[in-house]
């Protein structure tokens, strides 16, 4: 189930340049940007901006994705809190003009589902994130409401990924292997992503993220606490 083969193939056609849609040095985000529908892992916070404005979020300025999930929040902090409190929210957009008060819309993400015979990958196009050939490994398992791509039954993971990459509305895929060795490809589609974003200078979209360095630090701290709890108690002499 390794994804390495289609990563190597993509390198030959300069995938890093083709799939990167992040702004740089005064340039705008591309309207080809695909809003993540999972929490992306950031490898380099200085490049991604993960946590720059709000802990656990990176910002996409000037793009607005359609969403019917609106709240009454009147500032970005309250909008972010609404997303934190909402089930399956992976991002939010705050939009404010001089003539209108701020509007807050939330963006729903994929819902994980247990499947011990599956691996799942999220669409990922941003510099500084752990993206490989347009995808980031999400988890061992799947998500709810996938569409089986029957023509890709018994085809390798690479083909499942390539087909997802060609569909703008595909925000992730699952590759599953049965006990008998049969393989299946599932795509996860989002109509809002398929429509694509609108360019809007008043819009600030935030997407959830984690910093790899923070996760490593948390793991080290947890291991240190465990080691301390397992250490023998000091011997006292009578």
Protein backbone atom coordinates (compact mmCIF):
# COMPACT_ATOMS: atom_id res chain seq x y z
CA UNK A 1 0.00 0.00 0.00
CA UNK A 2 3.02 2.28 -0.22
CA UNK A 3 2.42 5.63 -1.82
CA UNK A 4 6.07 5.96 -2.76
CA UNK A 5 5.74 4.92 -6.39
CA UNK A 6 3.38 7.68 -7.42
CA UNK A 7 5.43 10.15 -5.39
CA UNK A 8 8.52 9.23 -7.41
CA UNK A 9 6.60 9.53 -10.66
CA UNK A 10 5.38 12.96 -9.69
CA UNK A 11 8.89 14.22 -8.98
CA UNK A 12 9.70 13.79 -12.65
CA UNK A 13 7.12 16.39 -13.59
CA UNK A 14 8.00 18.90 -10.87
CA UNK A 15 5.04 18.22 -8.64
CA UNK A 16 6.28 20.59 -5.96
CA UNK A 17 5.86 23.52 -8.30
CA UNK A 18 2.69 22.29 -9.95
CA UNK A 19 0.79 21.49 -6.78
CA UNK A 20 1.91 24.36 -4.59
CA UNK A 21 -0.76 27.02 -4.42
CA UNK A 22 0.44 28.96 -1.39
CA UNK A 23 1.10 32.69 -1.65
CA UNK A 24 4.62 34.05 -1.44
CA UNK A 25 6.26 37.46 -1.47
CA UNK A 26 3.26 39.57 -2.38
CA UNK A 27 1.56 36.97 -4.58
CA UNK A 28 -2.06 35.93 -4.09
CA UNK A 29 -3.32 32.49 -3.29
CA UNK A 30 -4.36 30.67 -6.45
CA UNK A 31 -8.03 29.97 -7.13
CA UNK A 32 -6.87 26.38 -7.74
CA UNK A 33 -6.39 26.06 -3.99
CA UNK A 34 -8.29 23.08 -2.58
CA UNK A 35 -9.59 23.74 0.94
CA UNK A 36 -8.36 20.91 3.22
CA UNK A 37 -11.14 18.81 4.71
CA UNK A 38 -8.92 17.27 7.39
CA UNK A 39 -6.42 18.68 9.87
CA UNK A 40 -3.12 19.01 7.99
CA UNK A 41 0.25 18.45 9.63
CA UNK A 42 2.68 21.34 9.24
CA UNK A 43 6.37 20.51 8.95
CA UNK A 44 7.63 24.10 8.86
CA UNK A 45 5.51 26.63 10.75
CA UNK A 46 7.54 29.52 9.36
CA UNK A 47 6.35 28.58 5.86
CA UNK A 48 2.80 27.47 6.60
CA UNK A 49 1.89 30.06 9.21
CA UNK A 50 0.31 27.31 11.30
CA UNK A 51 -0.52 28.94 14.61
CA UNK A 52 0.51 32.45 13.52
CA UNK A 53 -2.91 34.07 14.10
CA UNK A 54 -4.67 31.35 16.08
CA UNK A 55 -3.24 28.17 17.63
CA UNK A 56 -4.07 25.20 15.42
CA UNK A 57 -4.99 27.17 12.28
CA UNK A 58 -3.26 28.54 9.18
CA UNK A 59 -4.66 31.35 7.07
CA UNK A 60 -5.65 31.55 3.41
CA UNK A 61 -6.16 35.24 2.62
CA UNK A 62 -8.41 36.47 -0.15
CA UNK A 63 -10.32 33.26 -0.92
CA UNK A 64 -13.85 32.30 0.09
CA UNK A 65 -15.47 28.87 -0.29
CA UNK A 66 -19.27 28.60 -0.40
CA UNK A 67 -20.85 27.25 2.78
CA UNK A 68 -24.34 27.21 4.19
CA UNK A 69 -22.98 26.70 7.72
CA UNK A 70 -23.17 30.24 9.13
CA UNK A 71 -22.93 31.53 12.70
CA UNK A 72 -23.64 34.82 14.42
CA UNK A 73 -20.01 35.52 15.36
CA UNK A 74 -18.98 39.14 14.86
CA UNK A 75 -15.20 38.86 15.11
CA UNK A 76 -12.56 36.34 14.08
CA UNK A 77 -11.92 35.09 17.60
CA UNK A 78 -15.61 34.27 18.10
CA UNK A 79 -15.77 32.67 14.65
CA UNK A 80 -12.78 30.50 15.51
CA UNK A 81 -14.45 29.50 18.79
CA UNK A 82 -17.60 28.50 16.91
CA UNK A 83 -15.49 26.21 14.73
CA UNK A 84 -13.74 24.73 17.76
CA UNK A 85 -17.12 24.00 19.34
CA UNK A 86 -18.78 22.62 16.21
CA UNK A 87 -18.63 18.93 15.38
CA UNK A 88 -16.51 18.11 12.32
CA UNK A 89 -15.52 21.74 11.66
CA UNK A 90 -12.10 21.95 10.00
CA UNK A 91 -12.03 25.63 9.12
CA UNK A 92 -13.86 28.93 8.98
CA UNK A 93 -14.06 32.08 6.89
CA UNK A 94 -14.36 35.57 8.36
CA UNK A 95 -15.46 38.27 5.93
CA UNK A 96 -15.94 41.94 6.73
CA UNK A 97 -16.29 45.04 4.57
CA UNK A 98 -16.64 48.71 5.54
CA UNK A 99 -20.34 48.58 4.67
CA UNK A 100 -21.19 45.26 6.34
CA UNK A 101 -20.56 43.69 9.71
CA UNK A 102 -18.44 40.56 9.84
CA UNK A 103 -19.87 37.29 8.56
CA UNK A 104 -18.69 33.93 9.84
CA UNK A 105 -19.05 30.68 7.90
CA UNK A 106 -17.77 27.27 8.98
CA UNK A 107 -16.40 24.48 6.80
CA UNK A 108 -17.17 20.84 7.56
CA UNK A 109 -14.52 18.15 7.34
CA UNK A 110 -14.38 14.42 6.72
CA UNK A 111 -15.51 12.12 9.53
CA UNK A 112 -13.14 9.29 10.36
CA UNK A 113 -14.40 5.71 10.50
CA UNK A 114 -12.67 2.58 11.81
CA UNK A 115 -11.41 0.14 9.17
CA UNK A 116 -8.34 -1.92 10.03
CA UNK A 117 -7.77 -2.88 6.40
CA UNK A 118 -7.69 0.61 4.95
CA UNK A 119 -5.36 3.58 4.69
CA UNK A 120 -6.51 7.10 3.88
CA UNK A 121 -4.87 10.18 2.38
CA UNK A 122 -6.03 13.80 2.40
CA UNK A 123 -5.62 16.22 -0.48
CA UNK A 124 -2.79 18.61 0.36
CA UNK A 125 -1.28 21.34 -1.83
CA UNK A 126 0.44 23.76 0.53
CA UNK A 127 4.15 24.46 0.96
CA UNK A 128 5.62 23.54 4.31
CA UNK A 129 3.06 20.81 4.99
CA UNK A 130 3.85 17.11 4.79
CA UNK A 131 2.40 16.87 1.29
CA UNK A 132 3.63 14.26 -1.16
CA UNK A 133 2.38 14.31 -4.74
CA UNK A 134 -0.66 16.32 -3.69
CA UNK A 135 -1.64 14.19 -0.69
CA UNK A 136 -0.86 13.77 2.98
CA UNK A 137 -1.25 10.51 4.89
CA UNK A 138 -4.23 10.93 7.22
CA UNK A 139 -4.75 7.72 9.17
CA UNK A 140 -5.13 3.95 9.11
CA UNK A 141 -8.85 3.67 8.52
CA UNK A 142 -11.34 5.47 6.33
CA UNK A 143 -14.00 8.20 6.43
CA UNK A 144 -17.77 8.17 6.19
CA UNK A 145 -19.71 8.51 2.93
CA UNK A 146 -17.07 7.44 0.45
CA UNK A 147 -17.77 6.61 -3.18
CA UNK A 148 -16.36 3.31 -4.40
CA UNK A 149 -14.61 3.71 -7.74
CA UNK A 150 -15.48 0.31 -9.17
CA UNK A 151 -13.29 0.62 -12.26
CA UNK A 152 -10.33 0.80 -9.88
CA UNK A 153 -11.12 -2.46 -8.05
CA UNK A 154 -7.93 -4.53 -7.74
CA UNK A 155 -5.84 -1.59 -8.95
CA UNK A 156 -2.88 -0.23 -6.96
CA UNK A 157 -3.01 2.68 -4.54
CA UNK A 158 -1.19 4.85 -7.07
CA UNK A 159 -4.10 4.68 -9.52
CA UNK A 160 -6.60 5.52 -6.79
CA UNK A 161 -4.56 8.61 -5.92
CA UNK A 162 -4.14 9.73 -9.53
CA UNK A 163 -7.88 9.50 -10.19
CA UNK A 164 -8.61 11.57 -7.09
CA UNK A 165 -6.06 14.18 -8.10
CA UNK A 166 -7.80 14.65 -11.46
CA UNK A 167 -11.14 15.43 -9.78
CA UNK A 168 -11.24 18.86 -8.18
CA UNK A 169 -14.05 17.79 -5.88
CA UNK A 170 -12.07 14.84 -4.51
CA UNK A 171 -10.66 15.84 -1.12
CA UNK A 172 -9.27 12.47 -0.08
CA UNK A 173 -9.13 8.77 -0.87
CA UNK A 174 -9.06 5.40 0.87
CA UNK A 175 -7.32 2.29 -0.41
CA UNK A 176 -8.59 -0.93 1.17
CA UNK A 177 -7.35 -4.52 1.00
CA UNK A 178 -9.62 -7.42 1.93
CA UNK A 179 -8.58 -10.66 3.67
CA UNK A 180 -8.48 -12.30 0.25
CA UNK A 181 -6.10 -9.69 -1.12
CA UNK A 182 -8.68 -7.80 -3.23
CA UNK A 183 -8.20 -4.04 -3.23
CA UNK A 184 -10.76 -1.25 -3.44
CA UNK A 185 -10.57 2.49 -4.06
CA UNK A 186 -12.90 5.01 -2.40
CA UNK A 187 -13.04 8.73 -3.15
CA UNK A 188 -14.46 11.39 -0.86
CA UNK A 189 -16.13 14.23 -2.72
CA UNK A 190 -17.05 17.72 -1.62
CA UNK A 191 -19.31 19.89 -3.75
CA UNK A 192 -17.98 23.16 -2.30
CA UNK A 193 -14.43 22.19 -3.23
CA UNK A 194 -15.59 21.18 -6.69
CA UNK A 195 -17.04 24.65 -7.24
CA UNK A 196 -13.77 26.17 -6.10
CA UNK A 197 -13.21 29.37 -4.15
CA UNK A 198 -14.20 32.93 -4.98
CA UNK A 199 -11.56 35.60 -4.83
CA UNK A 200 -12.52 38.15 -2.18
CA UNK A 201 -10.04 40.64 -0.67
CA UNK A 202 -12.24 40.92 2.45
CA UNK A 203 -12.20 37.17 3.17
CA UNK A 204 -9.86 35.42 5.58
CA UNK A 205 -10.19 31.65 5.60
CA UNK A 206 -8.59 29.60 8.37
CA UNK A 207 -7.95 25.85 8.14
CA UNK A 208 -7.02 23.57 11.02
CA UNK A 209 -3.44 22.34 11.32
CA UNK A 210 -0.97 20.79 13.72
CA UNK A 211 2.73 21.54 13.99
CA UNK A 212 4.98 18.50 13.85
CA UNK A 213 7.40 20.14 16.30
CA UNK A 214 4.59 20.64 18.83
CA UNK A 215 3.48 17.01 18.45
CA UNK A 216 7.06 15.79 18.92
CA UNK A 217 7.40 17.93 22.06
CA UNK A 218 4.12 16.59 23.45
CA UNK A 219 5.25 13.03 22.77
CA UNK A 220 8.58 13.60 24.52
CA UNK A 221 6.79 15.14 27.49
CA UNK A 222 4.37 12.22 27.68
CA UNK A 223 7.24 9.72 27.49
CA UNK A 224 9.15 11.59 30.20
CA UNK A 225 6.09 11.52 32.48
CA UNK A 226 5.64 7.81 31.86
CA UNK A 227 9.31 7.10 32.58
CA UNK A 228 9.04 9.05 35.81
CA UNK A 229 5.93 7.15 36.87
CA UNK A 230 7.69 3.83 36.24
CA UNK A 231 10.83 4.77 38.13
CA UNK A 232 11.38 2.82 41.38
CA UNK A 233 10.50 4.63 44.57
CA UNK A 234 13.48 5.82 46.60
CA UNK A 235 14.54 3.46 49.39
CA UNK A 236 14.41 4.96 52.87
CA UNK A 237 16.44 3.53 55.70
CA UNK A 238 14.95 3.04 59.13
